[in-house]
Amino acid sequence: MVEQDDQLSRVFGALADPTRRDMVARLAAGDATVSELAAPYDVSLQAVSKHLKVLEEAGLVRRSRDAQRRPVHLDAEVFDLMTKWIERYQQQAEERYQRLDQVLARMQGKDSDISQSTGEQQRGAAG
């Protein structure tokens, strides 16, 4: 569990940077070389390589060798880990909201019972 938490920390830390999130989004559409990834940014190839190193260490991307090219691939397995983590806490939050809804419904039911009985008492006293 601690190992997964460490990987999650690395993944979320890597995705905290908007440039890296954009690179991940672009790699979701297809593999790319460092030069292709660097094209839309006003940064050096070295800076893009540093961003890729952070993504690689987080397990989000990997590089392979294809003749003279070294394409960068998105590694989607990490997204499963992220999705499971998010879904677990999303489920807990939804359960809390459902319990809160039940409490509010009971309170409103009691309030309407109280207001109905108060209204009946007031009508009884007046009539």
Foldseek 3Di string as FASTA:
>chain_A
DVVLVVLVVLQVVLVVDVLLVVLLVVLVVHWDALCVSCVVDPDDSVVSVVSVVSCVVSVQWDWDDDPPTTIIHGDCPVVVSVVVVVVVVVVVVVVVVVVVVVVVVVVVVVVVVVVVVVVVVVVVVVD
